[in-house]
Amino acid sequence: MEFLRNTWYCAGWGADLGQDDLIDRTILKESVLLYRKQNGLAVAIGNRCPHRFAPLSSGCKKGDNVACPYHGLTFGPSGECVLNPHGDGTTPKAARVTRYPLVERYDALWIWMGDPELADADEIPDFSESSLREGWGHIRGHLEVPVHYELLTDNLLDLSHVPYLHPFLSAQGPQPDGFREERELKQDGNTVWSMHRNLNTVTTPLFRLLWEDAPEVIEGYFDMRWTAPSNLLLRAGISAMDGRREDGARIPMAHLLTPATETHTHYFWCQARNRKGADRAIDQELKAGIDHVFRDEDEAMLIKCQALMGTTDLMSLRPVLLHGDAPAMRARRILAAQIDAEAKLGT
């Protein structure tokens, strides 16, 4: 089995699905159609018409239904064919598409690709920290990355690469006296935390944008939470050495990785901030910085790594492991066990 199916994946941002939109998105190698009913409720059905396999996303909405652009078969939000405009109008029993459970929560559209009877919205991981909230700034994006999703997970859980690959996110110049790093790996059930603290450090260019009069010497923290299969929350910020995190600059960020295929991944991200929330210029500067970090640094490096690997199975190459790899290896083992258990149950 290639992917975990009985779980929630991000299918997109709710704000990016307009009332008139028909969005085709490949998820776990399946073509999915996203649209909204007349009451605004988002739904997901199979995008491939069972007649001649035309994309329903190229058709048109008719009330709560979608008409195929090729022969006019019309499908409802439950996947059933509600109109056959040919012959006596009888609908063949096989004329239906898959219905996928879909829940809109934490600004995202969460899709269940497995057995619909097992879908439980209470299992959607909590991303309230990175969601829209009054008085905070908020930006979001969607990247399509030609890399296996677990390589992206590895990259996010191992923040030891940041000083080498991401100058924008790193402290500039020598560290002050008393500087020290603390790292901790925690596991709570099947949730993995990769926690980093930099004590007696200097403010990075990123946080100087948000907190211009920040102390010269601060505490910086980057705590990454992973939940299977590939949904990550970053708690990042700086505070005065003797202060509370709530009083500093905070930028909680969601990294939601959804496999399109074995070699392509949807990377949905959003970032909230507690300072300069109404500053649209800061929005644009942060978006540009994040796009540079993701596209020009992380993605560019991972594409090269995957090409030289010659496979999507990292562990088959028996990689040398460093201290910073421990969180990613823990997550990989948990996910592999869940995929194996699902395969044995035949679900």
C-alpha atoms as a PDB file:
ATOM      1  CA  MET A   1       0.000   0.000   0.000  1.00  0.00           C
ATOM      2  CA  GLU A   2       1.459   3.359  -1.064  1.00  0.00           C
ATOM      3  CA  PHE A   3      -0.526   5.759   1.127  1.00  0.00           C
ATOM      4  CA  LEU A   4      -2.527   5.819   4.341  1.00  0.00           C
ATOM      5  CA  ARG A   5      -6.146   6.136   3.206  1.00  0.00           C
ATOM      6  CA  ASN A   6      -8.293   6.096   6.340  1.00  0.00           C
ATOM      7  CA  THR A   7      -7.163   9.507   7.505  1.00  0.00           C
ATOM      8  CA  TRP A   8      -7.742  13.203   6.825  1.00  0.00           C
ATOM      9  CA  TYR A   9      -5.773  15.081   4.172  1.00  0.00           C
ATOM     10  CA  CYS A  10      -5.949  18.757   3.283  1.00  0.00           C
ATOM     11  CA  ALA A  11      -7.633  19.166  -0.115  1.00  0.00           C
ATOM     12  CA  GLY A  12      -7.224  22.944  -0.207  1.00  0.00           C
ATOM     13  CA  TRP A  13      -7.996  26.209   1.551  1.00  0.00           C
ATOM     14  CA  GLY A  14     -11.664  27.013   1.955  1.00  0.00           C
ATOM     15  CA  ALA A  15     -11.120  30.608   0.859  1.00  0.00           C
ATOM     16  CA  ASP A  16      -9.734  29.380  -2.474  1.00  0.00           C
ATOM     17  CA  LEU A  17     -12.923  27.479  -3.351  1.00  0.00           C
ATOM     18  CA  GLY A  18     -15.433  30.029  -4.605  1.00  0.00           C
ATOM     19  CA  GLN A  19     -19.156  29.505  -4.998  1.00  0.00           C
ATOM     20  CA  ASP A  20     -18.879  29.075  -8.776  1.00  0.00           C
ATOM     21  CA  ASP A  21     -15.641  27.085  -8.845  1.00  0.00           C
ATOM     22  CA  LEU A  22     -15.105  23.532 -10.047  1.00  0.00           C
ATOM     23  CA  ILE A  23     -11.621  22.539  -8.882  1.00  0.00           C
ATOM     24  CA  ASP A  24      -9.896  19.365 -10.048  1.00  0.00           C
ATOM     25  CA  ARG A  25      -7.287  18.113  -7.587  1.00  0.00           C
ATOM     26  CA  THR A  26      -5.267  14.907  -7.779  1.00  0.00           C
ATOM     27  CA  ILE A  27      -5.057  13.297  -4.328  1.00  0.00           C
ATOM     28  CA  LEU A  28      -3.528   9.853  -3.734  1.00  0.00           C
ATOM     29  CA  LYS A  29      -3.504   9.363  -7.529  1.00  0.00           C
ATOM     30  CA  GLU A  30      -7.270   9.982  -7.750  1.00  0.00           C
ATOM     31  CA  SER A  31      -8.843  12.910  -9.602  1.00  0.00           C
ATOM     32  CA  VAL A  32     -11.173  14.681  -7.159  1.00  0.00           C
ATOM     33  CA  LEU A  33     -13.696  17.434  -7.929  1.00  0.00           C
ATOM     34  CA  LEU A  34     -14.217  20.121  -5.291  1.00  0.00           C
ATOM     35  CA  TYR A  35     -17.166  22.503  -5.436  1.00  0.00           C
ATOM     36  CA  ARG A  36     -19.764  24.206  -3.253  1.00  0.00           C
ATOM     37  CA  LYS A  37     -23.472  23.539  -3.050  1.00  0.00           C
ATOM     38  CA  GLN A  38     -25.921  26.435  -3.251  1.00  0.00           C
ATOM     39  CA  ASN A  39     -25.883  26.734   0.547  1.00  0.00           C
ATOM     40  CA  GLY A  40     -22.080  27.129   0.481  1.00  0.00           C
ATOM     41  CA  LEU A  41     -21.276  23.660   1.804  1.00  0.00           C
ATOM     42  CA  ALA A  42     -18.114  22.260   0.189  1.00  0.00           C
ATOM     43  CA  VAL A  43     -18.311  18.756  -1.296  1.00  0.00           C
ATOM     44  CA  ALA A  44     -15.897  16.359  -2.991  1.00  0.00           C
ATOM     45  CA  ILE A  45     -16.766  13.750  -5.620  1.00  0.00           C
ATOM     46  CA  GLY A  46     -14.840  11.806  -8.238  1.00  0.00           C
ATOM     47  CA  ASN A  47     -13.911  14.004 -11.186  1.00  0.00           C
ATOM     48  CA  ARG A  48     -13.969  11.280 -13.862  1.00  0.00           C
ATOM     49  CA  CYS A  49     -17.313  10.691 -15.578  1.00  0.00           C
ATOM     50  CA  PRO A  50     -17.938   6.912 -15.746  1.00  0.00           C
ATOM     51  CA  HIS A  51     -19.296   7.151 -19.318  1.00  0.00           C
ATOM     52  CA  ARG A  52     -16.322   8.310 -21.414  1.00  0.00           C
ATOM     53  CA  PHE A  53     -14.111   9.454 -18.523  1.00  0.00           C
ATOM     54  CA  ALA A  54     -14.358  13.172 -19.260  1.00  0.00           C
ATOM     55  CA  PRO A  55     -13.410  15.559 -16.431  1.00  0.00           C
ATOM     56  CA  LEU A  56     -16.470  16.899 -14.645  1.00  0.00           C
ATOM     57  CA  SER A  57     -14.380  19.923 -13.669  1.00  0.00           C
ATOM     58  CA  SER A  58     -14.657  21.051 -17.313  1.00  0.00           C
ATOM     59  CA  GLY A  59     -18.456  20.924 -17.082  1.00  0.00           C
ATOM     60  CA  CYS A  60     -20.864  23.279 -15.349  1.00  0.00           C
ATOM     61  CA  LYS A  61     -22.795  23.537 -12.115  1.00  0.00           C
ATOM     62  CA  LYS A  62     -26.545  23.075 -12.158  1.00  0.00           C
ATOM     63  CA  GLY A  63     -27.800  23.927  -8.706  1.00  0.00           C
ATOM     64  CA  ASP A  64     -26.144  21.472  -6.338  1.00  0.00           C
ATOM     65  CA  ASN A  65     -25.163  19.200  -9.234  1.00  0.00           C
ATOM     66  CA  VAL A  66     -22.460  19.098 -11.920  1.00  0.00           C
ATOM     67  CA  ALA A  67     -23.086  18.325 -15.596  1.00  0.00           C
ATOM     68  CA  CYS A  68     -20.477  16.479 -17.652  1.00  0.00           C
ATOM     69  CA  PRO A  69     -19.212  18.599 -20.583  1.00  0.00           C
ATOM     70  CA  TYR A  70     -19.158  15.636 -22.989  1.00  0.00           C
ATOM     71  CA  HIS A  71     -22.643  14.062 -22.953  1.00  0.00           C
ATOM     72  CA  GLY A  72     -24.484  15.935 -20.222  1.00  0.00           C
ATOM     73  CA  LEU A  73     -24.753  13.245 -17.556  1.00  0.00           C
ATOM     74  CA  THR A  74     -25.349  15.134 -14.326  1.00  0.00           C
ATOM     75  CA  PHE A  75     -24.089  14.071 -10.906  1.00  0.00           C
ATOM     76  CA  GLY A  76     -25.158  15.131  -7.437  1.00  0.00           C
ATOM     77  CA  PRO A  77     -23.073  15.759  -4.313  1.00  0.00           C
ATOM     78  CA  SER A  78     -23.591  12.156  -3.188  1.00  0.00           C
ATOM     79  CA  GLY A  79     -22.005  10.931  -6.432  1.00  0.00           C
ATOM     80  CA  GLU A  80     -25.178   9.551  -7.968  1.00  0.00           C
ATOM     81  CA  CYS A  81     -26.197  10.343 -11.563  1.00  0.00           C
ATOM     82  CA  VAL A  82     -29.337  12.482 -11.254  1.00  0.00           C
ATOM     83  CA  LEU A  83     -29.912  13.112 -14.969  1.00  0.00           C
ATOM     84  CA  ASN A  84     -29.370  11.085 -18.131  1.00  0.00           C
ATOM     85  CA  PRO A  85     -30.509  13.279 -21.053  1.00  0.00           C
ATOM     86  CA  HIS A  86     -30.359  10.382 -23.526  1.00  0.00           C
ATOM     87  CA  GLY A  87     -32.892   7.731 -24.602  1.00  0.00           C
ATOM     88  CA  ASP A  88     -35.702   7.216 -22.116  1.00  0.00           C
ATOM     89  CA  GLY A  89     -33.669   8.886 -19.383  1.00  0.00           C
ATOM     90  CA  THR A  90     -33.019   5.695 -17.449  1.00  0.00           C
ATOM     91  CA  THR A  91     -29.889   6.010 -15.335  1.00  0.00           C
ATOM     92  CA  PRO A  92     -27.524   3.007 -15.509  1.00  0.00           C
ATOM     93  CA  LYS A  93     -26.757   1.613 -12.062  1.00  0.00           C
ATOM     94  CA  ALA A  94     -23.030   2.061 -12.674  1.00  0.00           C
ATOM     95  CA  ALA A  95     -23.476   5.740 -13.515  1.00  0.00           C
ATOM     96  CA  ARG A  96     -22.083   7.205 -10.329  1.00  0.00           C
ATOM     97  CA  VAL A  97     -18.828   8.646  -9.048  1.00  0.00           C
ATOM     98  CA  THR A  98     -17.140   8.339  -5.667  1.00  0.00           C
ATOM     99  CA  ARG A  99     -18.282  10.588  -2.853  1.00  0.00           C
ATOM    100  CA  TYR A 100     -15.527  11.618  -0.463  1.00  0.00           C
ATOM    101  CA  PRO A 101     -16.266  12.864   3.073  1.00  0.00           C
ATOM    102  CA  LEU A 102     -15.206  16.527   3.248  1.00  0.00           C
ATOM    103  CA  VAL A 103     -15.087  18.820   6.284  1.00  0.00           C
ATOM    104  CA  GLU A 104     -14.239  22.533   6.328  1.00  0.00           C
ATOM    105  CA  ARG A 105     -12.307  23.318   9.501  1.00  0.00           C
ATOM    106  CA  TYR A 106      -9.363  25.509  10.533  1.00  0.00           C
ATOM    107  CA  ASP A 107      -9.720  27.383   7.194  1.00  0.00           C
ATOM    108  CA  ALA A 108      -8.950  24.144   5.317  1.00  0.00           C
ATOM    109  CA  LEU A 109     -10.930  21.543   3.387  1.00  0.00           C
ATOM    110  CA  TRP A 110     -10.243  18.119   4.906  1.00  0.00           C
ATOM    111  CA  ILE A 111     -10.885  15.067   2.732  1.00  0.00           C
ATOM    112  CA  TRP A 112     -11.126  11.384   3.699  1.00  0.00           C
ATOM    113  CA  MET A 113      -9.843   9.108   0.922  1.00  0.00           C
ATOM    114  CA  GLY A 114     -10.607   5.769   2.588  1.00  0.00           C
ATOM    115  CA  ASP A 115     -13.715   3.969   3.832  1.00  0.00           C
ATOM    116  CA  PRO A 116     -16.415   6.658   4.301  1.00  0.00           C
ATOM    117  CA  GLU A 117     -17.921   4.703   7.200  1.00  0.00           C
ATOM    118  CA  LEU A 118     -14.714   5.234   9.183  1.00  0.00           C
ATOM    119  CA  ALA A 119     -14.533   9.012   8.693  1.00  0.00           C
ATOM    120  CA  ASP A 120     -14.637  10.822  12.046  1.00  0.00           C
ATOM    121  CA  ALA A 121     -14.275  14.606  11.966  1.00  0.00           C
ATOM    122  CA  ASP A 122     -13.071  14.558  15.576  1.00  0.00           C
ATOM    123  CA  GLU A 123      -9.840  12.995  14.283  1.00  0.00           C
ATOM    124  CA  ILE A 124      -8.931  16.119  12.284  1.00  0.00           C
ATOM    125  CA  PRO A 125      -5.802  17.519  13.986  1.00  0.00           C
ATOM    126  CA  ASP A 126      -6.128  20.860  15.771  1.00  0.00           C
ATOM    127  CA  PHE A 127      -4.806  23.769  13.716  1.00  0.00           C
ATOM    128  CA  SER A 128      -6.639  26.550  15.539  1.00  0.00           C
ATOM    129  CA  GLU A 129      -3.317  28.234  16.395  1.00  0.00           C
ATOM    130  CA  SER A 130      -2.487  28.883  12.737  1.00  0.00           C
ATOM    131  CA  SER A 131      -6.048  29.759  11.691  1.00  0.00           C
ATOM    132  CA  LEU A 132      -7.604  33.156  11.059  1.00  0.00           C
ATOM    133  CA  ARG A 133      -8.294  35.084  14.245  1.00  0.00           C
ATOM    134  CA  GLU A 134      -9.227  38.638  15.114  1.00  0.00           C
ATOM    135  CA  GLY A 135      -6.328  41.062  15.392  1.00  0.00           C
ATOM    136  CA  TRP A 136      -3.758  38.693  13.897  1.00  0.00           C
ATOM    137  CA  GLY A 137      -2.207  38.759  10.461  1.00  0.00           C
ATOM    138  CA  HIS A 138      -2.705  35.754   8.225  1.00  0.00           C
ATOM    139  CA  ILE A 139      -1.285  34.573   4.911  1.00  0.00           C
ATOM    140  CA  ARG A 140      -1.615  31.293   3.051  1.00  0.00           C
ATOM    141  CA  GLY A 141      -0.414  29.483  -0.051  1.00  0.00           C
ATOM    142  CA  HIS A 142      -0.411  26.284  -2.083  1.00  0.00           C
ATOM    143  CA  LEU A 143       2.609  24.817  -3.828  1.00  0.00           C
ATOM    144  CA  GLU A 144       2.755  21.773  -6.080  1.00  0.00           C
ATOM    145  CA  VAL A 145       6.105  20.171  -5.345  1.00  0.00           C
ATOM    146  CA  PRO A 146       7.624  17.398  -7.528  1.00  0.00           C
ATOM    147  CA  VAL A 147       8.914  15.487  -4.492  1.00  0.00           C
ATOM    148  CA  HIS A 148       7.708  12.497  -2.444  1.00  0.00           C
ATOM    149  CA  TYR A 149       5.734  13.757   0.546  1.00  0.00           C
ATOM    150  CA  GLU A 150       7.858  11.997   3.182  1.00  0.00           C
ATOM    151  CA  LEU A 151      10.959  13.881   2.025  1.00  0.00           C
ATOM    152  CA  LEU A 152       9.067  17.092   2.746  1.00  0.00           C
ATOM    153  CA  THR A 153       8.065  15.759   6.156  1.00  0.00           C
ATOM    154  CA  ASP A 154      11.701  14.872   6.901  1.00  0.00           C
ATOM    155  CA  ASN A 155      12.764  18.376   5.915  1.00  0.00           C
ATOM    156  CA  LEU A 156      10.247  20.031   8.230  1.00  0.00           C
ATOM    157  CA  LEU A 157      11.005  17.817  11.228  1.00  0.00           C
ATOM    158  CA  ASP A 158      14.776  18.320  10.961  1.00  0.00           C
ATOM    159  CA  LEU A 159      15.351  22.025  11.549  1.00  0.00           C
ATOM    160  CA  SER A 160      19.113  21.537  11.893  1.00  0.00           C
ATOM    161  CA  HIS A 161      19.385  22.408   8.182  1.00  0.00           C
ATOM    162  CA  VAL A 162      18.053  25.944   8.729  1.00  0.00           C
ATOM    163  CA  PRO A 163      21.424  27.705   9.357  1.00  0.00           C
ATOM    164  CA  TYR A 164      22.847  26.203   6.171  1.00  0.00           C
ATOM    165  CA  LEU A 165      19.940  26.503   3.747  1.00  0.00           C
ATOM    166  CA  HIS A 166      17.840  29.422   5.046  1.00  0.00           C
ATOM    167  CA  PRO A 167      19.766  32.637   5.835  1.00  0.00           C
ATOM    168  CA  PHE A 168      16.483  34.609   6.063  1.00  0.00           C
ATOM    169  CA  LEU A 169      15.418  32.420   8.985  1.00  0.00           C
ATOM    170  CA  SER A 170      18.798  32.355  10.726  1.00  0.00           C
ATOM    171  CA  ALA A 171      20.576  34.671  13.128  1.00  0.00           C
ATOM    172  CA  GLN A 172      23.122  36.868  11.379  1.00  0.00           C
ATOM    173  CA  GLY A 173      26.686  37.171  12.662  1.00  0.00           C
ATOM    174  CA  PRO A 174      28.323  35.636  15.724  1.00  0.00           C
ATOM    175  CA  GLN A 175      26.232  34.507  18.664  1.00  0.00           C
ATOM    176  CA  PRO A 176      26.566  36.386  21.980  1.00  0.00           C
ATOM    177  CA  ASP A 177      28.207  34.961  25.074  1.00  0.00           C
ATOM    178  CA  GLY A 178      25.985  32.472  26.819  1.00  0.00           C
ATOM    179  CA  PHE A 179      24.321  31.227  23.649  1.00  0.00           C
ATOM    180  CA  ARG A 180      23.123  27.651  23.780  1.00  0.00           C
ATOM    181  CA  GLU A 181      20.817  25.341  21.863  1.00  0.00           C
ATOM    182  CA  GLU A 182      18.339  22.914  23.350  1.00  0.00           C
ATOM    183  CA  ARG A 183      16.625  20.170  21.371  1.00  0.00           C
ATOM    184  CA  GLU A 184      13.976  17.734  22.491  1.00  0.00           C
ATOM    185  CA  LEU A 185      12.074  14.907  20.839  1.00  0.00           C
ATOM    186  CA  LYS A 186       8.691  14.084  22.351  1.00  0.00           C
ATOM    187  CA  GLN A 187       6.057  11.545  21.409  1.00  0.00           C
ATOM    188  CA  ASP A 188       2.480  11.694  22.651  1.00  0.00           C
ATOM    189  CA  GLY A 189       0.662   8.653  21.313  1.00  0.00           C
ATOM    190  CA  ASN A 190       1.178   8.871  17.564  1.00  0.00           C
ATOM    191  CA  THR A 191       2.009  12.590  17.660  1.00  0.00           C
ATOM    192  CA  VAL A 192       5.678  13.568  17.330  1.00  0.00           C
ATOM    193  CA  TRP A 193       7.176  16.862  18.515  1.00  0.00           C
ATOM    194  CA  SER A 194      10.542  18.184  17.335  1.00  0.00           C
ATOM    195  CA  MET A 195      11.372  21.035  19.713  1.00  0.00           C
ATOM    196  CA  HIS A 196      14.193  23.567  19.386  1.00  0.00           C
ATOM    197  CA  ARG A 197      15.172  26.449  21.684  1.00  0.00           C
ATOM    198  CA  ASN A 198      17.939  28.970  21.097  1.00  0.00           C
ATOM    199  CA  LEU A 199      18.792  30.773  24.340  1.00  0.00           C
ATOM    200  CA  ASN A 200      20.736  34.032  24.502  1.00  0.00           C
ATOM    201  CA  THR A 201      20.581  34.408  20.745  1.00  0.00           C
ATOM    202  CA  VAL A 202      20.097  37.385  18.433  1.00  0.00           C
ATOM    203  CA  THR A 203      16.947  38.295  16.533  1.00  0.00           C
ATOM    204  CA  THR A 204      16.669  36.944  12.979  1.00  0.00           C
ATOM    205  CA  PRO A 205      15.751  39.154   9.983  1.00  0.00           C
ATOM    206  CA  LEU A 206      12.317  37.523   9.876  1.00  0.00           C
ATOM    207  CA  PHE A 207      11.390  38.465  13.425  1.00  0.00           C
ATOM    208  CA  ARG A 208      12.976  41.916  13.160  1.00  0.00           C
ATOM    209  CA  LEU A 209      10.298  42.634  10.541  1.00  0.00           C
ATOM    210  CA  LEU A 210       7.598  41.966  13.104  1.00  0.00           C
ATOM    211  CA  TRP A 211       9.204  43.303  16.286  1.00  0.00           C
ATOM    212  CA  GLU A 212      11.447  46.203  15.419  1.00  0.00           C
ATOM    213  CA  ASP A 213      12.367  47.025  19.024  1.00  0.00           C
ATOM    214  CA  ALA A 214      12.888  43.435  20.132  1.00  0.00           C
ATOM    215  CA  PRO A 215      15.642  42.957  22.727  1.00  0.00           C
ATOM    216  CA  GLU A 216      19.111  42.419  21.326  1.00  0.00           C
ATOM    217  CA  VAL A 217      19.355  39.062  23.077  1.00  0.00           C
ATOM    218  CA  ILE A 218      16.294  36.839  23.005  1.00  0.00           C
ATOM    219  CA  GLU A 219      14.964  33.305  23.246  1.00  0.00           C
ATOM    220  CA  GLY A 220      13.972  31.779  19.930  1.00  0.00           C
ATOM    221  CA  TYR A 221      11.863  28.648  19.660  1.00  0.00           C
ATOM    222  CA  PHE A 222      10.743  26.366  16.847  1.00  0.00           C
ATOM    223  CA  ASP A 223       8.487  23.529  17.947  1.00  0.00           C
ATOM    224  CA  MET A 224       7.201  21.300  15.138  1.00  0.00           C
ATOM    225  CA  ARG A 225       4.275  18.932  15.698  1.00  0.00           C
ATOM    226  CA  TRP A 226       3.678  16.017  13.314  1.00  0.00           C
ATOM    227  CA  THR A 227       0.489  14.013  13.043  1.00  0.00           C
ATOM    228  CA  ALA A 228       0.018  11.202  10.546  1.00  0.00           C
ATOM    229  CA  PRO A 229       0.127  11.060   7.697  1.00  0.00           C
ATOM    230  CA  SER A 230       1.763  14.414   6.941  1.00  0.00           C
ATOM    231  CA  ASN A 231       0.136  17.339   8.744  1.00  0.00           C
ATOM    232  CA  LEU A 232       2.515  19.578  10.675  1.00  0.00           C
ATOM    233  CA  LEU A 233       2.103  22.590  12.951  1.00  0.00           C
ATOM    234  CA  LEU A 234       5.046  24.891  13.675  1.00  0.00           C
ATOM    235  CA  ARG A 235       5.011  26.996  16.830  1.00  0.00           C
ATOM    236  CA  ALA A 236       7.691  29.582  16.179  1.00  0.00           C
ATOM    237  CA  GLY A 237       8.555  32.838  17.860  1.00  0.00           C
ATOM    238  CA  ILE A 238      10.903  34.913  19.942  1.00  0.00           C
ATOM    239  CA  SER A 239      10.580  36.412  23.403  1.00  0.00           C
ATOM    240  CA  ALA A 240      12.654  38.305  25.913  1.00  0.00           C
ATOM    241  CA  MET A 241      14.901  35.994  27.904  1.00  0.00           C
ATOM    242  CA  ASP A 242      12.962  36.680  31.091  1.00  0.00           C
ATOM    243  CA  GLY A 243       9.612  37.198  29.357  1.00  0.00           C
ATOM    244  CA  ARG A 244       6.579  35.187  28.348  1.00  0.00           C
ATOM    245  CA  ARG A 245       6.202  33.778  24.860  1.00  0.00           C
ATOM    246  CA  GLU A 246       2.767  35.416  24.645  1.00  0.00           C
ATOM    247  CA  ASP A 247       4.408  38.848  24.926  1.00  0.00           C
ATOM    248  CA  GLY A 248       6.923  38.251  22.151  1.00  0.00           C
ATOM    249  CA  ALA A 249       6.530  37.773  18.406  1.00  0.00           C
ATOM    250  CA  ARG A 250       4.704  34.596  17.418  1.00  0.00           C
ATOM    251  CA  ILE A 251       4.153  33.051  13.968  1.00  0.00           C
ATOM    252  CA  PRO A 252       2.330  29.711  14.256  1.00  0.00           C
ATOM    253  CA  MET A 253       2.322  28.003  10.864  1.00  0.00           C
ATOM    254  CA  ALA A 254       0.547  25.018   9.304  1.00  0.00           C
ATOM    255  CA  HIS A 255       2.338  22.752   6.835  1.00  0.00           C
ATOM    256  CA  LEU A 256      -0.213  20.364   5.317  1.00  0.00           C
ATOM    257  CA  LEU A 257       1.305  17.871   2.892  1.00  0.00           C
ATOM    258  CA  THR A 258      -1.048  15.914   0.654  1.00  0.00           C
ATOM    259  CA  PRO A 259       0.347  13.355  -1.796  1.00  0.00           C
ATOM    260  CA  ALA A 260      -0.844  13.803  -5.368  1.00  0.00           C
ATOM    261  CA  THR A 261       1.218  10.847  -6.616  1.00  0.00           C
ATOM    262  CA  GLU A 262       4.331   9.019  -5.426  1.00  0.00           C
ATOM    263  CA  THR A 263       6.514  11.835  -6.770  1.00  0.00           C
ATOM    264  CA  HIS A 264       4.317  14.946  -6.448  1.00  0.00           C
ATOM    265  CA  THR A 265       2.920  16.615  -3.343  1.00  0.00           C
ATOM    266  CA  HIS A 266       0.438  19.394  -2.614  1.00  0.00           C
ATOM    267  CA  TYR A 267       2.027  21.684  -0.028  1.00  0.00           C
ATOM    268  CA  PHE A 268      -0.620  23.812   1.687  1.00  0.00           C
ATOM    269  CA  TRP A 269       0.754  26.339   4.140  1.00  0.00           C
ATOM    270  CA  CYS A 270      -0.609  29.180   6.228  1.00  0.00           C
ATOM    271  CA  GLN A 271       0.958  31.470   8.775  1.00  0.00           C
ATOM    272  CA  ALA A 272      -0.594  33.595  11.501  1.00  0.00           C
ATOM    273  CA  ARG A 273       1.202  36.388  13.365  1.00  0.00           C
ATOM    274  CA  ASN A 274       0.412  38.315  16.510  1.00  0.00           C
ATOM    275  CA  ARG A 275       2.237  41.514  15.508  1.00  0.00           C
ATOM    276  CA  LYS A 276       1.521  43.968  12.684  1.00  0.00           C
ATOM    277  CA  GLY A 277      -1.586  42.018  11.818  1.00  0.00           C
ATOM    278  CA  ALA A 278      -3.114  44.762   9.653  1.00  0.00           C
ATOM    279  CA  ASP A 279       0.084  45.572   7.743  1.00  0.00           C
ATOM    280  CA  ARG A 280      -0.494  44.466   4.129  1.00  0.00           C
ATOM    281  CA  ALA A 281       3.087  45.348   3.186  1.00  0.00           C
ATOM    282  CA  ILE A 282       4.271  42.849   5.797  1.00  0.00           C
ATOM    283  CA  ASP A 283       1.905  40.299   4.240  1.00  0.00           C
ATOM    284  CA  GLN A 284       3.615  40.701   0.887  1.00  0.00           C
ATOM    285  CA  GLU A 285       7.121  40.657   2.338  1.00  0.00           C
ATOM    286  CA  LEU A 286       6.433  37.516   4.352  1.00  0.00           C
ATOM    287  CA  LYS A 287       4.818  35.792   1.358  1.00  0.00           C
ATOM    288  CA  ALA A 288       7.832  36.633  -0.782  1.00  0.00           C
ATOM    289  CA  GLY A 289      10.195  35.360   1.906  1.00  0.00           C
ATOM    290  CA  ILE A 290       8.256  32.131   2.405  1.00  0.00           C
ATOM    291  CA  ASP A 291       8.044  31.550  -1.348  1.00  0.00           C
ATOM    292  CA  HIS A 292      11.806  32.028  -1.608  1.00  0.00           C
ATOM    293  CA  VAL A 293      12.494  29.657   1.300  1.00  0.00           C
ATOM    294  CA  PHE A 294      10.177  26.970  -0.048  1.00  0.00           C
ATOM    295  CA  ARG A 295      10.758  27.283  -3.794  1.00  0.00           C
ATOM    296  CA  ASP A 296      14.364  28.384  -4.116  1.00  0.00           C
ATOM    297  CA  GLU A 297      15.828  26.624  -1.088  1.00  0.00           C
ATOM    298  CA  ASP A 298      13.819  23.650   0.249  1.00  0.00           C
ATOM    299  CA  GLU A 299      12.189  22.509  -2.987  1.00  0.00           C
ATOM    300  CA  ALA A 300      15.291  23.063  -5.093  1.00  0.00           C
ATOM    301  CA  MET A 301      17.372  20.970  -2.699  1.00  0.00           C
ATOM    302  CA  LEU A 302      14.819  18.168  -2.333  1.00  0.00           C
ATOM    303  CA  ILE A 303      14.372  17.842  -6.101  1.00  0.00           C
ATOM    304  CA  LYS A 304      18.121  17.293  -6.405  1.00  0.00           C
ATOM    305  CA  CYS A 305      18.086  14.776  -3.549  1.00  0.00           C
ATOM    306  CA  GLN A 306      15.204  12.790  -5.023  1.00  0.00           C
ATOM    307  CA  ALA A 307      16.859  12.721  -8.443  1.00  0.00           C
ATOM    308  CA  LEU A 308      20.094  11.321  -7.008  1.00  0.00           C
ATOM    309  CA  MET A 309      18.202   8.829  -4.845  1.00  0.00           C
ATOM    310  CA  GLY A 310      16.605   7.254  -7.896  1.00  0.00           C
ATOM    311  CA  THR A 311      13.738   6.008  -5.715  1.00  0.00           C
ATOM    312  CA  THR A 312      11.072   7.364  -3.393  1.00  0.00           C
ATOM    313  CA  ASP A 313      12.046   4.812  -0.726  1.00  0.00           C
ATOM    314  CA  LEU A 314      14.650   6.659   1.324  1.00  0.00           C
ATOM    315  CA  MET A 315      15.217   3.843   3.803  1.00  0.00           C
ATOM    316  CA  SER A 316      16.025   1.316   1.072  1.00  0.00           C
ATOM    317  CA  LEU A 317      19.230   3.323   0.494  1.00  0.00           C
ATOM    318  CA  ARG A 318      20.305   2.912   4.137  1.00  0.00           C
ATOM    319  CA  PRO A 319      21.046   6.617   4.703  1.00  0.00           C
ATOM    320  CA  VAL A 320      23.543   7.762   7.313  1.00  0.00           C
ATOM    321  CA  LEU A 321      21.508   9.134  10.211  1.00  0.00           C
ATOM    322  CA  LEU A 322      22.404  12.173  12.315  1.00  0.00           C
ATOM    323  CA  HIS A 323      21.056  13.389  15.651  1.00  0.00           C
ATOM    324  CA  GLY A 324      18.647  15.760  13.923  1.00  0.00           C
ATOM    325  CA  ASP A 325      17.034  12.899  11.990  1.00  0.00           C
ATOM    326  CA  ALA A 326      15.457  11.335  15.081  1.00  0.00           C
ATOM    327  CA  PRO A 327      12.033  13.076  14.844  1.00  0.00           C
ATOM    328  CA  ALA A 328      11.656  12.254  11.150  1.00  0.00           C
ATOM    329  CA  MET A 329      12.635   8.634  11.711  1.00  0.00           C
ATOM    330  CA  ARG A 330      10.104   8.378  14.538  1.00  0.00           C
ATOM    331  CA  ALA A 331       7.382   9.773  12.269  1.00  0.00           C
ATOM    332  CA  ARG A 332       8.347   7.419   9.454  1.00  0.00           C
ATOM    333  CA  ARG A 333       8.070   4.388  11.733  1.00  0.00           C
ATOM    334  CA  ILE A 334       4.652   5.445  13.027  1.00  0.00           C
ATOM    335  CA  LEU A 335       3.327   6.063   9.521  1.00  0.00           C
ATOM    336  CA  ALA A 336       4.745   2.795   8.171  1.00  0.00           C
ATOM    337  CA  ALA A 337       3.079   0.884  11.008  1.00  0.00           C
ATOM    338  CA  GLN A 338      -0.263   2.561  10.309  1.00  0.00           C
ATOM    339  CA  ILE A 339      -0.064   1.827   6.574  1.00  0.00           C
ATOM    340  CA  ASP A 340       0.882  -1.785   7.309  1.00  0.00           C
ATOM    341  CA  ALA A 341      -2.000  -2.190   9.779  1.00  0.00           C
ATOM    342  CA  GLU A 342      -4.449  -0.726   7.273  1.00  0.00           C
ATOM    343  CA  ALA A 343      -3.228  -3.086   4.556  1.00  0.00           C
ATOM    344  CA  LYS A 344      -3.654  -6.124   6.823  1.00  0.00           C
ATOM    345  CA  LEU A 345      -7.225  -5.112   7.629  1.00  0.00           C
ATOM    346  CA  GLY A 346      -7.954  -4.638   3.953  1.00  0.00           C
ATOM    347  CA  THR A 347      -9.406  -1.183   4.526  1.00  0.00           C
END
